[in-house]
Amino acid sequence: QEHNTTLQHAGVSEAEVSKLFRNTYSLLALTLAFSAIV
């Protein structure tokens, strides 16, 4: 049960990192495009 819990936490952490990457680089692309237009 402890092993499964550890894997579950690792999965959540990996999912959060992936979400943070997507949000960061999506916003970065948008801001770079907006700044270039300005």
PDB file of all heavy atoms in Angstrom:
ATOM      1  N   GLN A   1       0.832  -1.206   0.000  1.00  0.00           N
ATOM      2  CA  GLN A   1       0.000   0.000   0.000  1.00  0.00           C
ATOM      3  C   GLN A   1       0.867   1.256   0.000  1.00  0.00           C
ATOM      4  O   GLN A   1       0.578   2.233  -0.681  1.00  0.00           O
ATOM      5  CB  GLN A   1      -0.919  -0.017   1.224  1.00  0.00           C
ATOM      6  CG  GLN A   1      -1.890   1.183   1.236  1.00  0.00           C
ATOM      7  CD  GLN A   1      -2.840   1.102   2.418  1.00  0.00           C
ATOM      8  OE1 GLN A   1      -2.778   0.155   3.215  1.00  0.00           O
ATOM      9  NE2 GLN A   1      -3.703   2.074   2.531  1.00  0.00           N
ATOM     10  N   GLU A   2       1.990   1.210   0.769  1.00  0.00           N
ATOM     11  CA  GLU A   2       2.896   2.359   0.826  1.00  0.00           C
ATOM     12  C   GLU A   2       3.548   2.597  -0.538  1.00  0.00           C
ATOM     13  O   GLU A   2       3.717   3.731  -0.980  1.00  0.00           O
ATOM     14  CB  GLU A   2       3.969   2.101   1.891  1.00  0.00           C
ATOM     15  CG  GLU A   2       4.936   3.278   2.064  1.00  0.00           C
ATOM     16  CD  GLU A   2       5.971   2.988   3.133  1.00  0.00           C
ATOM     17  OE1 GLU A   2       5.848   1.946   3.801  1.00  0.00           O
ATOM     18  OE2 GLU A   2       6.892   3.806   3.270  1.00  0.00           O
ATOM     19  N   HIS A   3       3.892   1.483  -1.221  1.00  0.00           N
ATOM     20  CA  HIS A   3       4.515   1.587  -2.537  1.00  0.00           C
ATOM     21  C   HIS A   3       3.545   2.233  -3.539  1.00  0.00           C
ATOM     22  O   HIS A   3       3.937   3.106  -4.327  1.00  0.00           O
ATOM     23  CB  HIS A   3       4.933   0.200  -3.014  1.00  0.00           C
ATOM     24  CG  HIS A   3       5.552   0.196  -4.385  1.00  0.00           C
ATOM     25  ND1 HIS A   3       6.760   0.798  -4.664  1.00  0.00           N
ATOM     26  CD2 HIS A   3       5.100  -0.324  -5.559  1.00  0.00           C
ATOM     27  CE1 HIS A   3       7.049   0.642  -5.947  1.00  0.00           C
ATOM     28  NE2 HIS A   3       6.052  -0.032  -6.519  1.00  0.00           N
ATOM     29  N   ASN A   4       2.287   1.803  -3.493  1.00  0.00           N
ATOM     30  CA  ASN A   4       1.287   2.358  -4.397  1.00  0.00           C
ATOM     31  C   ASN A   4       1.052   3.838  -4.133  1.00  0.00           C
ATOM     32  O   ASN A   4       0.841   4.636  -5.052  1.00  0.00           O
ATOM     33  CB  ASN A   4      -0.038   1.595  -4.268  1.00  0.00           C
ATOM     34  CG  ASN A   4       0.063   0.186  -4.839  1.00  0.00           C
ATOM     35  OD1 ASN A   4       0.918  -0.080  -5.684  1.00  0.00           O
ATOM     36  ND2 ASN A   4      -0.799  -0.705  -4.369  1.00  0.00           N
ATOM     37  N   THR A   5       1.052   4.183  -2.837  1.00  0.00           N
ATOM     38  CA  THR A   5       0.856   5.585  -2.467  1.00  0.00           C
ATOM     39  C   THR A   5       1.986   6.453  -2.993  1.00  0.00           C
ATOM     40  O   THR A   5       1.781   7.566  -3.490  1.00  0.00           O
ATOM     41  CB  THR A   5       0.775   5.725  -0.931  1.00  0.00           C
ATOM     42  OG1 THR A   5      -0.277   4.909  -0.452  1.00  0.00           O
ATOM     43  CG2 THR A   5       0.534   7.173  -0.540  1.00  0.00           C
ATOM     44  N   THR A   6       3.242   5.918  -2.901  1.00  0.00           N
ATOM     45  CA  THR A   6       4.402   6.652  -3.402  1.00  0.00           C
ATOM     46  C   THR A   6       4.301   6.885  -4.899  1.00  0.00           C
ATOM     47  O   THR A   6       4.552   7.977  -5.406  1.00  0.00           O
ATOM     48  CB  THR A   6       5.699   5.881  -3.091  1.00  0.00           C
ATOM     49  OG1 THR A   6       5.795   5.673  -1.693  1.00  0.00           O
ATOM     50  CG2 THR A   6       6.917   6.668  -3.579  1.00  0.00           C
ATOM     51  N   LEU A   7       3.896   5.847  -5.631  1.00  0.00           N
ATOM     52  CA  LEU A   7       3.735   5.964  -7.071  1.00  0.00           C
ATOM     53  C   LEU A   7       2.633   6.962  -7.417  1.00  0.00           C
ATOM     54  O   LEU A   7       2.750   7.722  -8.367  1.00  0.00           O
ATOM     55  CB  LEU A   7       3.393   4.596  -7.688  1.00  0.00           C
ATOM     56  CG  LEU A   7       4.525   3.566  -7.732  1.00  0.00           C
ATOM     57  CD1 LEU A   7       4.016   2.253  -8.317  1.00  0.00           C
ATOM     58  CD2 LEU A   7       5.694   4.076  -8.557  1.00  0.00           C
ATOM     59  N   GLN A   8       1.588   6.951  -6.611  1.00  0.00           N
ATOM     60  CA  GLN A   8       0.476   7.871  -6.849  1.00  0.00           C
ATOM     61  C   GLN A   8       0.924   9.312  -6.694  1.00  0.00           C
ATOM     62  O   GLN A   8       0.614  10.183  -7.505  1.00  0.00           O
ATOM     63  CB  GLN A   8      -0.662   7.549  -5.873  1.00  0.00           C
ATOM     64  CG  GLN A   8      -2.011   8.077  -6.320  1.00  0.00           C
ATOM     65  CD  GLN A   8      -3.107   7.540  -5.423  1.00  0.00           C
ATOM     66  OE1 GLN A   8      -2.881   7.162  -4.288  1.00  0.00           O
ATOM     67  NE2 GLN A   8      -4.310   7.494  -5.955  1.00  0.00           N
ATOM     68  N   HIS A   9       1.709   9.570  -5.634  1.00  0.00           N
ATOM     69  CA  HIS A   9       2.224  10.916  -5.399  1.00  0.00           C
ATOM     70  C   HIS A   9       3.175  11.331  -6.514  1.00  0.00           C
ATOM     71  O   HIS A   9       3.174  12.482  -6.951  1.00  0.00           O
ATOM     72  CB  HIS A   9       2.943  10.978  -4.045  1.00  0.00           C
ATOM     73  CG  HIS A   9       1.997  11.067  -2.885  1.00  0.00           C
ATOM     74  ND1 HIS A   9       1.040  12.046  -2.784  1.00  0.00           N
ATOM     75  CD2 HIS A   9       1.860  10.291  -1.777  1.00  0.00           C
ATOM     76  CE1 HIS A   9       0.341  11.882  -1.660  1.00  0.00           C
ATOM     77  NE2 HIS A   9       0.827  10.813  -1.043  1.00  0.00           N
ATOM     78  N   ALA A  10       4.005  10.380  -6.983  1.00  0.00           N
ATOM     79  CA  ALA A  10       4.940  10.676  -8.059  1.00  0.00           C
ATOM     80  C   ALA A  10       4.185  11.028  -9.332  1.00  0.00           C
ATOM     81  O   ALA A  10       4.569  11.933 -10.079  1.00  0.00           O
ATOM     82  CB  ALA A  10       5.860   9.485  -8.305  1.00  0.00           C
ATOM     83  N   GLY A  11       3.064  10.319  -9.577  1.00  0.00           N
ATOM     84  CA  GLY A  11       2.251  10.592 -10.746  1.00  0.00           C
ATOM     85  C   GLY A  11       1.633  11.964 -10.694  1.00  0.00           C
ATOM     86  O   GLY A  11       1.616  12.690 -11.687  1.00  0.00           O
ATOM     87  N   VAL A  12       1.128  12.351  -9.540  1.00  0.00           N
ATOM     88  CA  VAL A  12       0.540  13.680  -9.372  1.00  0.00           C
ATOM     89  C   VAL A  12       1.603  14.749  -9.589  1.00  0.00           C
ATOM     90  O   VAL A  12       1.376  15.762 -10.252  1.00  0.00           O
ATOM     91  CB  VAL A  12      -0.087  13.807  -7.974  1.00  0.00           C
ATOM     92  CG1 VAL A  12      -0.492  15.242  -7.707  1.00  0.00           C
ATOM     93  CG2 VAL A  12      -1.288  12.886  -7.853  1.00  0.00           C
ATOM     94  N   SER A  13       2.805  14.529  -9.034  1.00  0.00           N
ATOM     95  CA  SER A  13       3.880  15.488  -9.168  1.00  0.00           C
ATOM     96  C   SER A  13       4.272  15.653 -10.637  1.00  0.00           C
ATOM     97  O   SER A  13       4.476  16.762 -11.113  1.00  0.00           O
ATOM     98  CB  SER A  13       5.087  15.022  -8.352  1.00  0.00           C
ATOM     99  OG  SER A  13       6.173  15.908  -8.504  1.00  0.00           O
ATOM    100  N   GLU A  14       4.380  14.538 -11.359  1.00  0.00           N
ATOM    101  CA  GLU A  14       4.732  14.589 -12.777  1.00  0.00           C
ATOM    102  C   GLU A  14       3.653  15.318 -13.577  1.00  0.00           C
ATOM    103  O   GLU A  14       3.954  16.085 -14.498  1.00  0.00           O
ATOM    104  CB  GLU A  14       4.918  13.168 -13.308  1.00  0.00           C
ATOM    105  CG  GLU A  14       5.467  13.102 -14.724  1.00  0.00           C
ATOM    106  CD  GLU A  14       6.886  13.604 -14.817  1.00  0.00           C
ATOM    107  OE1 GLU A  14       7.616  13.528 -13.805  1.00  0.00           O
ATOM    108  OE2 GLU A  14       7.267  14.092 -15.902  1.00  0.00           O
ATOM    109  N   ALA A  15       2.406  15.086 -13.211  1.00  0.00           N
ATOM    110  CA  ALA A  15       1.293  15.749 -13.896  1.00  0.00           C
ATOM    111  C   ALA A  15       1.328  17.253 -13.654  1.00  0.00           C
ATOM    112  O   ALA A  15       1.067  18.049 -14.565  1.00  0.00           O
ATOM    113  CB  ALA A  15      -0.036  15.173 -13.420  1.00  0.00           C
ATOM    114  N   GLU A  16       1.669  17.641 -12.432  1.00  0.00           N
ATOM    115  CA  GLU A  16       1.740  19.069 -12.112  1.00  0.00           C
ATOM    116  C   GLU A  16       2.878  19.753 -12.862  1.00  0.00           C
ATOM    117  O   GLU A  16       2.730  20.879 -13.333  1.00  0.00           O
ATOM    118  CB  GLU A  16       1.926  19.247 -10.602  1.00  0.00           C
ATOM    119  CG  GLU A  16       0.691  18.867  -9.790  1.00  0.00           C
ATOM    120  CD  GLU A  16       0.940  18.965  -8.301  1.00  0.00           C
ATOM    121  OE1 GLU A  16       2.124  19.121  -7.913  1.00  0.00           O
ATOM    122  OE2 GLU A  16      -0.031  18.873  -7.536  1.00  0.00           O
ATOM    123  N   VAL A  17       4.015  19.046 -12.969  1.00  0.00           N
ATOM    124  CA  VAL A  17       5.146  19.595 -13.707  1.00  0.00           C
ATOM    125  C   VAL A  17       4.793  19.765 -15.182  1.00  0.00           C
ATOM    126  O   VAL A  17       5.089  20.790 -15.791  1.00  0.00           O
ATOM    127  CB  VAL A  17       6.389  18.689 -13.555  1.00  0.00           C
ATOM    128  CG1 VAL A  17       7.491  19.129 -14.523  1.00  0.00           C
ATOM    129  CG2 VAL A  17       6.908  18.733 -12.129  1.00  0.00           C
ATOM    130  N   SER A  18       4.126  18.765 -15.757  1.00  0.00           N
ATOM    131  CA  SER A  18       3.722  18.837 -17.164  1.00  0.00           C
ATOM    132  C   SER A  18       2.751  19.996 -17.397  1.00  0.00           C
ATOM    133  O   SER A  18       2.858  20.719 -18.396  1.00  0.00           O
ATOM    134  CB  SER A  18       3.064  17.517 -17.593  1.00  0.00           C
ATOM    135  OG  SER A  18       3.974  16.443 -17.491  1.00  0.00           O
ATOM    136  N   LYS A  19       1.817  20.173 -16.468  1.00  0.00           N
ATOM    137  CA  LYS A  19       0.858  21.273 -16.586  1.00  0.00           C
ATOM    138  C   LYS A  19       1.561  22.619 -16.495  1.00  0.00           C
ATOM    139  O   LYS A  19       1.254  23.553 -17.252  1.00  0.00           O
ATOM    140  CB  LYS A  19      -0.203  21.153 -15.491  1.00  0.00           C
ATOM    141  CG  LYS A  19      -1.255  22.250 -15.552  1.00  0.00           C
ATOM    142  CD  LYS A  19      -2.280  22.097 -14.434  1.00  0.00           C
ATOM    143  CE  LYS A  19      -3.308  23.219 -14.469  1.00  0.00           C
ATOM    144  NZ  LYS A  19      -4.298  23.093 -13.363  1.00  0.00           N
ATOM    145  N   LEU A  20       2.531  22.716 -15.570  1.00  0.00           N
ATOM    146  CA  LEU A  20       3.276  23.962 -15.405  1.00  0.00           C
ATOM    147  C   LEU A  20       4.084  24.277 -16.663  1.00  0.00           C
ATOM    148  O   LEU A  20       4.141  25.430 -17.102  1.00  0.00           O
ATOM    149  CB  LEU A  20       4.201  23.856 -14.187  1.00  0.00           C
ATOM    150  CG  LEU A  20       5.040  25.096 -13.846  1.00  0.00           C
ATOM    151  CD1 LEU A  20       4.153  26.295 -13.582  1.00  0.00           C
ATOM    152  CD2 LEU A  20       5.939  24.816 -12.640  1.00  0.00           C
ATOM    153  N   PHE A  21       4.669  23.243 -17.259  1.00  0.00           N
ATOM    154  CA  PHE A  21       5.415  23.429 -18.505  1.00  0.00           C
ATOM    155  C   PHE A  21       4.505  23.928 -19.619  1.00  0.00           C
ATOM    156  O   PHE A  21       4.845  24.869 -20.350  1.00  0.00           O
ATOM    157  CB  PHE A  21       6.076  22.112 -18.931  1.00  0.00           C
ATOM    158  CG  PHE A  21       7.538  22.042 -18.614  1.00  0.00           C
ATOM    159  CD1 PHE A  21       8.008  21.165 -17.652  1.00  0.00           C
ATOM    160  CD2 PHE A  21       8.443  22.861 -19.264  1.00  0.00           C
ATOM    161  CE1 PHE A  21       9.350  21.096 -17.345  1.00  0.00           C
ATOM    162  CE2 PHE A  21       9.787  22.812 -18.975  1.00  0.00           C
ATOM    163  CZ  PHE A  21      10.257  21.924 -18.012  1.00  0.00           C
ATOM    164  N   ARG A  22       3.363  23.301 -19.763  1.00  0.00           N
ATOM    165  CA  ARG A  22       2.434  23.696 -20.826  1.00  0.00           C
ATOM    166  C   ARG A  22       1.974  25.137 -20.645  1.00  0.00           C
ATOM    167  O   ARG A  22       1.965  25.926 -21.605  1.00  0.00           O
ATOM    168  CB  ARG A  22       1.219  22.760 -20.848  1.00  0.00           C
ATOM    169  CG  ARG A  22       1.490  21.365 -21.376  1.00  0.00           C
ATOM    170  CD  ARG A  22       0.192  20.658 -21.707  1.00  0.00           C
ATOM    171  NE  ARG A  22      -0.718  20.627 -20.559  1.00  0.00           N
ATOM    172  CZ  ARG A  22      -0.739  19.656 -19.655  1.00  0.00           C
ATOM    173  NH1 ARG A  22       0.113  18.639 -19.745  1.00  0.00           N
ATOM    174  NH2 ARG A  22      -1.608  19.689 -18.652  1.00  0.00           N
ATOM    175  N   ASN A  23       1.585  25.469 -19.426  1.00  0.00           N
ATOM    176  CA  ASN A  23       1.100  26.829 -19.160  1.00  0.00           C
ATOM    177  C   ASN A  23       2.206  27.866 -19.370  1.00  0.00           C
ATOM    178  O   ASN A  23       1.968  28.938 -19.942  1.00  0.00           O
ATOM    179  CB  ASN A  23       0.562  26.928 -17.738  1.00  0.00           C
ATOM    180  CG  ASN A  23      -0.728  26.172 -17.544  1.00  0.00           C
ATOM    181  OD1 ASN A  23      -1.432  25.874 -18.515  1.00  0.00           O
ATOM    182  ND2 ASN A  23      -1.057  25.844 -16.311  1.00  0.00           N
ATOM    183  N   THR A  24       3.421  27.539 -18.898  1.00  0.00           N
ATOM    184  CA  THR A  24       4.532  28.489 -19.003  1.00  0.00           C
ATOM    185  C   THR A  24       4.900  28.756 -20.451  1.00  0.00           C
ATOM    186  O   THR A  24       4.987  29.915 -20.886  1.00  0.00           O
ATOM    187  CB  THR A  24       5.766  27.959 -18.248  1.00  0.00           C
ATOM    188  OG1 THR A  24       5.458  27.830 -16.853  1.00  0.00           O
ATOM    189  CG2 THR A  24       6.944  28.914 -18.407  1.00  0.00           C
ATOM    190  N   TYR A  25       5.099  27.691 -21.221  1.00  0.00           N
ATOM    191  CA  TYR A  25       5.567  27.881 -22.590  1.00  0.00           C
ATOM    192  C   TYR A  25       4.456  28.365 -23.521  1.00  0.00           C
ATOM    193  O   TYR A  25       4.740  29.033 -24.527  1.00  0.00           O
ATOM    194  CB  TYR A  25       6.217  26.597 -23.104  1.00  0.00           C
ATOM    195  CG  TYR A  25       7.605  26.415 -22.541  1.00  0.00           C
ATOM    196  CD1 TYR A  25       7.819  25.736 -21.347  1.00  0.00           C
ATOM    197  CD2 TYR A  25       8.706  26.974 -23.173  1.00  0.00           C
ATOM    198  CE1 TYR A  25       9.081  25.593 -20.807  1.00  0.00           C
ATOM    199  CE2 TYR A  25       9.981  26.841 -22.646  1.00  0.00           C
ATOM    200  CZ  TYR A  25      10.163  26.152 -21.458  1.00  0.00           C
ATOM    201  OH  TYR A  25      11.427  26.034 -20.928  1.00  0.00           O
ATOM    202  N   SER A  26       3.217  28.068 -23.189  1.00  0.00           N
ATOM    203  CA  SER A  26       2.101  28.628 -23.963  1.00  0.00           C
ATOM    204  C   SER A  26       2.022  30.129 -23.748  1.00  0.00           C
ATOM    205  O   SER A  26       1.889  30.919 -24.700  1.00  0.00           O
ATOM    206  CB  SER A  26       0.784  27.962 -23.563  1.00  0.00           C
ATOM    207  OG  SER A  26       0.781  26.590 -23.891  1.00  0.00           O
ATOM    208  N   LEU A  27       2.100  30.543 -22.470  1.00  0.00           N
ATOM    209  CA  LEU A  27       2.053  31.976 -22.164  1.00  0.00           C
ATOM    210  C   LEU A  27       3.290  32.680 -22.695  1.00  0.00           C
ATOM    211  O   LEU A  27       3.202  33.817 -23.177  1.00  0.00           O
ATOM    212  CB  LEU A  27       1.926  32.179 -20.649  1.00  0.00           C
ATOM    213  CG  LEU A  27       1.794  33.628 -20.163  1.00  0.00           C
ATOM    214  CD1 LEU A  27       0.583  34.307 -20.799  1.00  0.00           C
ATOM    215  CD2 LEU A  27       1.690  33.680 -18.633  1.00  0.00           C
ATOM    216  N   LEU A  28       4.437  32.022 -22.638  1.00  0.00           N
ATOM    217  CA  LEU A  28       5.667  32.623 -23.148  1.00  0.00           C
ATOM    218  C   LEU A  28       5.554  32.876 -24.646  1.00  0.00           C
ATOM    219  O   LEU A  28       5.944  33.946 -25.138  1.00  0.00           O
ATOM    220  CB  LEU A  28       6.861  31.707 -22.853  1.00  0.00           C
ATOM    221  CG  LEU A  28       8.225  32.215 -23.327  1.00  0.00           C
ATOM    222  CD1 LEU A  28       8.585  33.518 -22.626  1.00  0.00           C
ATOM    223  CD2 LEU A  28       9.300  31.158 -23.068  1.00  0.00           C
ATOM    224  N   ALA A  29       5.007  31.905 -25.378  1.00  0.00           N
ATOM    225  CA  ALA A  29       4.826  32.072 -26.828  1.00  0.00           C
ATOM    226  C   ALA A  29       3.879  33.232 -27.131  1.00  0.00           C
ATOM    227  O   ALA A  29       4.132  34.036 -28.036  1.00  0.00           O
ATOM    228  CB  ALA A  29       4.299  30.774 -27.439  1.00  0.00           C
ATOM    229  N   LEU A  30       2.799  33.333 -26.366  1.00  0.00           N
ATOM    230  CA  LEU A  30       1.828  34.406 -26.582  1.00  0.00           C
ATOM    231  C   LEU A  30       2.424  35.774 -26.268  1.00  0.00           C
ATOM    232  O   LEU A  30       2.212  36.740 -27.012  1.00  0.00           O
ATOM    233  CB  LEU A  30       0.584  34.169 -25.718  1.00  0.00           C
ATOM    234  CG  LEU A  30      -0.324  32.995 -26.125  1.00  0.00           C
ATOM    235  CD1 LEU A  30      -1.416  32.785 -25.087  1.00  0.00           C
ATOM    236  CD2 LEU A  30      -0.937  33.252 -27.504  1.00  0.00           C
ATOM    237  N   THR A  31       3.181  35.860 -25.183  1.00  0.00           N
ATOM    238  CA  THR A  31       3.763  37.151 -24.805  1.00  0.00           C
ATOM    239  C   THR A  31       4.866  37.567 -25.782  1.00  0.00           C
ATOM    240  O   THR A  31       5.012  38.761 -26.079  1.00  0.00           O
ATOM    241  CB  THR A  31       4.332  37.101 -23.379  1.00  0.00           C
ATOM    242  OG1 THR A  31       5.215  35.985 -23.237  1.00  0.00           O
ATOM    243  CG2 THR A  31       3.218  36.989 -22.353  1.00  0.00           C
ATOM    244  N   LEU A  32       5.626  36.602 -26.282  1.00  0.00           N
ATOM    245  CA  LEU A  32       6.649  36.931 -27.276  1.00  0.00           C
ATOM    246  C   LEU A  32       6.001  37.451 -28.561  1.00  0.00           C
ATOM    247  O   LEU A  32       6.475  38.423 -29.162  1.00  0.00           O
ATOM    248  CB  LEU A  32       7.505  35.694 -27.577  1.00  0.00           C
ATOM    249  CG  LEU A  32       8.517  35.296 -26.500  1.00  0.00           C
ATOM    250  CD1 LEU A  32       9.140  33.944 -26.831  1.00  0.00           C
ATOM    251  CD2 LEU A  32       9.607  36.354 -26.344  1.00  0.00           C
ATOM    252  N   ALA A  33       4.914  36.799 -28.970  1.00  0.00           N
ATOM    253  CA  ALA A  33       4.200  37.244 -30.170  1.00  0.00           C
ATOM    254  C   ALA A  33       3.600  38.629 -29.955  1.00  0.00           C
ATOM    255  O   ALA A  33       3.696  39.510 -30.833  1.00  0.00           O
ATOM    256  CB  ALA A  33       3.108  36.235 -30.528  1.00  0.00           C
ATOM    257  N   PHE A  34       2.995  38.855 -28.785  1.00  0.00           N
ATOM    258  CA  PHE A  34       2.387  40.155 -28.480  1.00  0.00           C
ATOM    259  C   PHE A  34       3.443  41.249 -28.426  1.00  0.00           C
ATOM    260  O   PHE A  34       3.255  42.354 -28.971  1.00  0.00           O
ATOM    261  CB  PHE A  34       1.639  40.071 -27.150  1.00  0.00           C
ATOM    262  CG  PHE A  34       1.018  41.368 -26.712  1.00  0.00           C
ATOM    263  CD1 PHE A  34      -0.061  41.903 -27.401  1.00  0.00           C
ATOM    264  CD2 PHE A  34       1.508  42.048 -25.613  1.00  0.00           C
ATOM    265  CE1 PHE A  34      -0.639  43.103 -27.003  1.00  0.00           C
ATOM    266  CE2 PHE A  34       0.938  43.243 -25.199  1.00  0.00           C
ATOM    267  CZ  PHE A  34      -0.140  43.768 -25.904  1.00  0.00           C
ATOM    268  N   SER A  35       4.571  40.952 -27.790  1.00  0.00           N
ATOM    269  CA  SER A  35       5.653  41.924 -27.689  1.00  0.00           C
ATOM    270  C   SER A  35       6.215  42.259 -29.077  1.00  0.00           C
ATOM    271  O   SER A  35       6.537  43.421 -29.363  1.00  0.00           O
ATOM    272  CB  SER A  35       6.767  41.377 -26.798  1.00  0.00           C
ATOM    273  OG  SER A  35       7.804  42.313 -26.638  1.00  0.00           O
ATOM    274  N   ALA A  36       6.311  41.251 -29.948  1.00  0.00           N
ATOM    275  CA  ALA A  36       6.807  41.473 -31.303  1.00  0.00           C
ATOM    276  C   ALA A  36       5.857  42.366 -32.095  1.00  0.00           C
ATOM    277  O   ALA A  36       6.293  43.241 -32.850  1.00  0.00           O
ATOM    278  CB  ALA A  36       6.987  40.131 -32.012  1.00  0.00           C
ATOM    279  N   ILE A  37       4.557  42.161 -31.901  1.00  0.00           N
ATOM    280  CA  ILE A  37       3.559  42.992 -32.590  1.00  0.00           C
ATOM    281  C   ILE A  37       3.658  44.445 -32.122  1.00  0.00           C
ATOM    282  O   ILE A  37       3.638  45.379 -32.929  1.00  0.00           O
ATOM    283  CB  ILE A  37       2.146  42.444 -32.349  1.00  0.00           C
ATOM    284  CG1 ILE A  37       1.977  41.095 -33.052  1.00  0.00           C
ATOM    285  CG2 ILE A  37       1.084  43.432 -32.847  1.00  0.00           C
ATOM    286  CD1 ILE A  37       0.673  40.389 -32.721  1.00  0.00           C
ATOM    287  N   VAL A  38       3.779  44.626 -30.803  1.00  0.00           N
ATOM    288  CA  VAL A  38       3.904  45.985 -30.249  1.00  0.00           C
ATOM    289  C   VAL A  38       5.192  46.639 -30.750  1.00  0.00           C
ATOM    290  O   VAL A  38       5.205  47.830 -31.092  1.00  0.00           O
ATOM    291  CB  VAL A  38       3.874  45.950 -28.712  1.00  0.00           C
ATOM    292  CG1 VAL A  38       4.141  47.343 -28.137  1.00  0.00           C
ATOM    293  CG2 VAL A  38       2.538  45.432 -28.209  1.00  0.00           C
TER     294      VAL A  38
END
